[in-house]
């Protein structure tokens, strides 16, 4: 479950980023994220605060391994 506290968060589903599928989530928006479904959640230039909570195991898997952040060296 996630709640947008401040700012606007954008959310879309799919295997690749598609700006046309983004839905704007303004402050106060609440949503649940289904497990195992590829998604993307960019922000705009303004700061965004979200509260995310859940129960059970969780992980982050990148559809394209090249997009995965690299550790600082």
N, C-alpha and C. Protein backbone atom coordinates (compact mmCIF):
# COMPACT_ATOMS: atom_id res chain seq x y z
N UNK A 1 0.86 -1.18 0.00
CA UNK A 1 0.00 0.00 0.00
C UNK A 1 0.90 1.23 0.00
N UNK A 2 0.48 2.24 -0.70
CA UNK A 2 1.24 3.48 -0.73
C UNK A 2 0.28 4.66 -0.64
N UNK A 3 0.71 5.70 0.06
CA UNK A 3 -0.04 6.94 0.18
C UNK A 3 0.88 8.08 -0.25
N UNK A 4 0.39 8.91 -1.15
CA UNK A 4 1.15 10.10 -1.56
C UNK A 4 0.91 11.17 -0.50
N UNK A 5 1.96 11.60 0.16
CA UNK A 5 1.85 12.58 1.24
C UNK A 5 2.00 14.00 0.71
N UNK A 6 3.02 14.22 -0.11
CA UNK A 6 3.25 15.55 -0.70
C UNK A 6 3.66 15.38 -2.15
N UNK A 7 3.39 16.40 -2.94
CA UNK A 7 3.78 16.38 -4.35
C UNK A 7 2.87 15.51 -5.19
N UNK A 8 3.30 15.27 -6.42
CA UNK A 8 2.54 14.43 -7.35
C UNK A 8 3.45 13.31 -7.84
N UNK A 9 2.97 12.08 -7.69
CA UNK A 9 3.70 10.90 -8.15
C UNK A 9 2.96 10.38 -9.38
N UNK A 10 3.68 9.87 -10.32
CA UNK A 10 3.09 9.34 -11.55
C UNK A 10 3.34 7.84 -11.58
N UNK A 11 2.34 7.09 -12.00
CA UNK A 11 2.42 5.64 -11.92
C UNK A 11 1.86 5.02 -13.18
N UNK A 12 2.54 4.00 -13.70
CA UNK A 12 2.06 3.29 -14.88
C UNK A 12 2.49 1.83 -14.83
N UNK A 13 1.81 1.00 -15.59
CA UNK A 13 2.10 -0.43 -15.64
C UNK A 13 2.57 -0.81 -17.03
N UNK A 14 3.48 -1.79 -17.09
CA UNK A 14 3.97 -2.30 -18.36
C UNK A 14 5.41 -2.73 -18.25
N UNK A 15 5.89 -3.39 -19.29
CA UNK A 15 7.26 -3.89 -19.32
C UNK A 15 8.27 -2.83 -19.70
N UNK A 16 7.80 -1.73 -20.28
CA UNK A 16 8.68 -0.63 -20.71
C UNK A 16 8.00 0.69 -20.36
N UNK A 17 8.80 1.70 -20.07
CA UNK A 17 8.25 3.01 -19.74
C UNK A 17 7.43 3.54 -20.92
N UNK A 18 6.23 4.01 -20.61
CA UNK A 18 5.34 4.62 -21.60
C UNK A 18 4.64 5.80 -20.94
N UNK A 19 5.07 7.00 -21.27
CA UNK A 19 4.51 8.22 -20.64
C UNK A 19 3.01 8.33 -20.84
N UNK A 20 2.49 7.76 -21.92
CA UNK A 20 1.04 7.86 -22.19
C UNK A 20 0.21 7.06 -21.18
N UNK A 21 0.83 6.10 -20.51
CA UNK A 21 0.07 5.28 -19.56
C UNK A 21 0.14 5.80 -18.13
N UNK A 22 0.88 6.89 -17.91
CA UNK A 22 1.04 7.41 -16.56
C UNK A 22 -0.27 7.98 -16.00
N UNK A 23 -0.50 7.68 -14.74
CA UNK A 23 -1.63 8.27 -14.02
C UNK A 23 -1.05 9.14 -12.92
N UNK A 24 -1.52 10.38 -12.81
CA UNK A 24 -1.04 11.30 -11.78
C UNK A 24 -1.71 10.96 -10.45
N UNK A 25 -0.88 10.80 -9.42
CA UNK A 25 -1.38 10.53 -8.08
C UNK A 25 -1.06 11.75 -7.21
N UNK A 26 -2.05 12.62 -6.96
CA UNK A 26 -1.81 13.81 -6.14
C UNK A 26 -1.79 13.46 -4.65
N UNK A 27 -1.42 14.42 -3.78
CA UNK A 27 -1.42 14.17 -2.34
C UNK A 27 -2.76 13.59 -1.88
N UNK A 28 -2.68 12.60 -1.01
CA UNK A 28 -3.88 11.94 -0.50
C UNK A 28 -4.24 10.69 -1.28
N UNK A 29 -3.61 10.47 -2.43
CA UNK A 29 -3.89 9.27 -3.22
C UNK A 29 -3.38 8.05 -2.47
N UNK A 30 -4.15 6.98 -2.52
CA UNK A 30 -3.78 5.71 -1.91
C UNK A 30 -3.97 4.63 -2.97
N UNK A 31 -3.00 3.74 -3.07
CA UNK A 31 -3.15 2.63 -4.01
C UNK A 31 -2.45 1.41 -3.48
N UNK A 32 -2.84 0.26 -4.00
CA UNK A 32 -2.13 -0.97 -3.67
C UNK A 32 -1.49 -1.47 -4.95
N UNK A 33 -0.34 -2.04 -4.79
CA UNK A 33 0.45 -2.48 -5.94
C UNK A 33 0.38 -4.00 -6.02
N UNK A 34 -0.14 -4.54 -7.10
CA UNK A 34 -0.22 -6.00 -7.21
C UNK A 34 1.17 -6.62 -7.36
N UNK A 35 1.40 -7.75 -6.71
CA UNK A 35 2.69 -8.41 -6.79
C UNK A 35 2.96 -8.97 -8.18
N UNK A 36 4.21 -8.94 -8.58
CA UNK A 36 4.62 -9.55 -9.82
C UNK A 36 4.22 -8.82 -11.08
N UNK A 37 3.74 -7.59 -10.96
CA UNK A 37 3.32 -6.84 -12.15
C UNK A 37 4.34 -5.72 -12.39
N UNK A 38 4.89 -5.66 -13.60
CA UNK A 38 5.87 -4.64 -13.92
C UNK A 38 5.23 -3.26 -13.93
N UNK A 39 5.95 -2.30 -13.38
CA UNK A 39 5.42 -0.94 -13.28
C UNK A 39 6.57 0.06 -13.26
N UNK A 40 6.23 1.33 -13.39
CA UNK A 40 7.20 2.42 -13.30
C UNK A 40 6.54 3.57 -12.58
N UNK A 41 7.34 4.33 -11.82
CA UNK A 41 6.78 5.39 -10.98
C UNK A 41 7.74 6.59 -10.96
N UNK A 42 7.75 7.38 -12.02
CA UNK A 42 8.65 8.55 -12.04
C UNK A 42 8.06 9.72 -11.25
N UNK A 43 8.92 10.66 -10.95
CA UNK A 43 8.48 11.92 -10.35
C UNK A 43 8.79 13.03 -11.34
N UNK A 44 8.28 14.21 -11.04
CA UNK A 44 8.56 15.40 -11.85
C UNK A 44 9.67 16.16 -11.16
N UNK A 45 9.79 17.42 -11.46
CA UNK A 45 10.88 18.23 -10.87
C UNK A 45 10.63 18.56 -9.40
N UNK A 46 9.39 18.48 -8.94
CA UNK A 46 9.07 18.81 -7.55
C UNK A 46 9.27 17.61 -6.63
N UNK A 47 9.59 17.90 -5.37
CA UNK A 47 9.78 16.86 -4.37
C UNK A 47 8.48 16.09 -4.13
N UNK A 48 8.60 14.80 -3.91
CA UNK A 48 7.45 13.93 -3.66
C UNK A 48 7.71 13.12 -2.40
N UNK A 49 6.72 13.06 -1.51
CA UNK A 49 6.82 12.24 -0.31
C UNK A 49 5.76 11.16 -0.36
N UNK A 50 6.18 9.90 -0.19
CA UNK A 50 5.23 8.79 -0.17
C UNK A 50 5.48 7.94 1.07
N UNK A 51 4.43 7.33 1.56
CA UNK A 51 4.53 6.38 2.66
C UNK A 51 4.14 5.02 2.09
N UNK A 52 5.05 4.07 2.19
CA UNK A 52 4.80 2.74 1.65
C UNK A 52 4.84 1.74 2.79
N UNK A 53 3.83 0.90 2.87
CA UNK A 53 3.79 -0.13 3.90
C UNK A 53 3.29 -1.43 3.28
N UNK A 54 3.65 -2.52 3.91
CA UNK A 54 3.20 -3.80 3.39
C UNK A 54 3.47 -4.90 4.37
N UNK A 55 3.07 -6.07 4.00
CA UNK A 55 3.23 -7.24 4.83
C UNK A 55 3.77 -8.36 3.94
N UNK A 56 4.73 -9.08 4.46
CA UNK A 56 5.24 -10.23 3.73
C UNK A 56 6.51 -9.91 2.97
N UNK A 57 7.01 -10.87 2.20
CA UNK A 57 8.24 -10.65 1.46
C UNK A 57 8.04 -9.63 0.35
N UNK A 58 9.10 -8.92 0.05
CA UNK A 58 9.07 -7.94 -1.03
C UNK A 58 10.43 -7.91 -1.69
N UNK A 59 10.46 -7.45 -2.91
CA UNK A 59 11.73 -7.29 -3.60
C UNK A 59 11.56 -6.29 -4.74
N UNK A 60 12.68 -5.95 -5.34
CA UNK A 60 12.69 -5.08 -6.51
C UNK A 60 13.43 -5.80 -7.61
N UNK A 61 12.75 -5.99 -8.73
CA UNK A 61 13.36 -6.63 -9.89
C UNK A 61 13.22 -5.67 -11.07
N UNK A 62 14.32 -5.45 -11.75
CA UNK A 62 14.30 -4.57 -12.91
C UNK A 62 14.04 -5.40 -14.16
N UNK A 63 13.05 -4.99 -14.96
CA UNK A 63 12.73 -5.70 -16.19
C UNK A 63 13.94 -5.71 -17.10
N UNK A 64 14.62 -4.56 -17.18
CA UNK A 64 15.83 -4.45 -17.97
C UNK A 64 17.00 -4.33 -16.99
N UNK A 65 17.84 -5.35 -16.86
CA UNK A 65 18.94 -5.29 -15.90
C UNK A 65 19.85 -4.08 -16.08
N UNK A 66 19.92 -3.52 -17.27
CA UNK A 66 20.75 -2.33 -17.51
C UNK A 66 20.23 -1.11 -16.76
N UNK A 67 18.96 -1.13 -16.36
CA UNK A 67 18.37 0.00 -15.62
C UNK A 67 18.65 -0.07 -14.13
N UNK A 68 19.13 -1.19 -13.65
CA UNK A 68 19.36 -1.37 -12.22
C UNK A 68 20.49 -0.44 -11.74
N UNK A 69 20.24 0.31 -10.66
CA UNK A 69 21.28 1.23 -10.14
C UNK A 69 22.54 0.45 -9.78
N UNK A 70 23.65 1.04 -10.05
CA UNK A 70 24.95 0.43 -9.72
C UNK A 70 25.40 0.95 -8.36
N UNK A 71 26.03 0.09 -7.54
CA UNK A 71 26.52 0.55 -6.22
C UNK A 71 27.63 1.59 -6.39
N UNK A 72 27.70 2.52 -5.44
CA UNK A 72 28.74 3.55 -5.47
C UNK A 72 30.10 2.89 -5.31
N UNK A 73 31.08 3.42 -6.03
CA UNK A 73 32.42 2.84 -5.96
C UNK A 73 33.40 3.82 -5.40
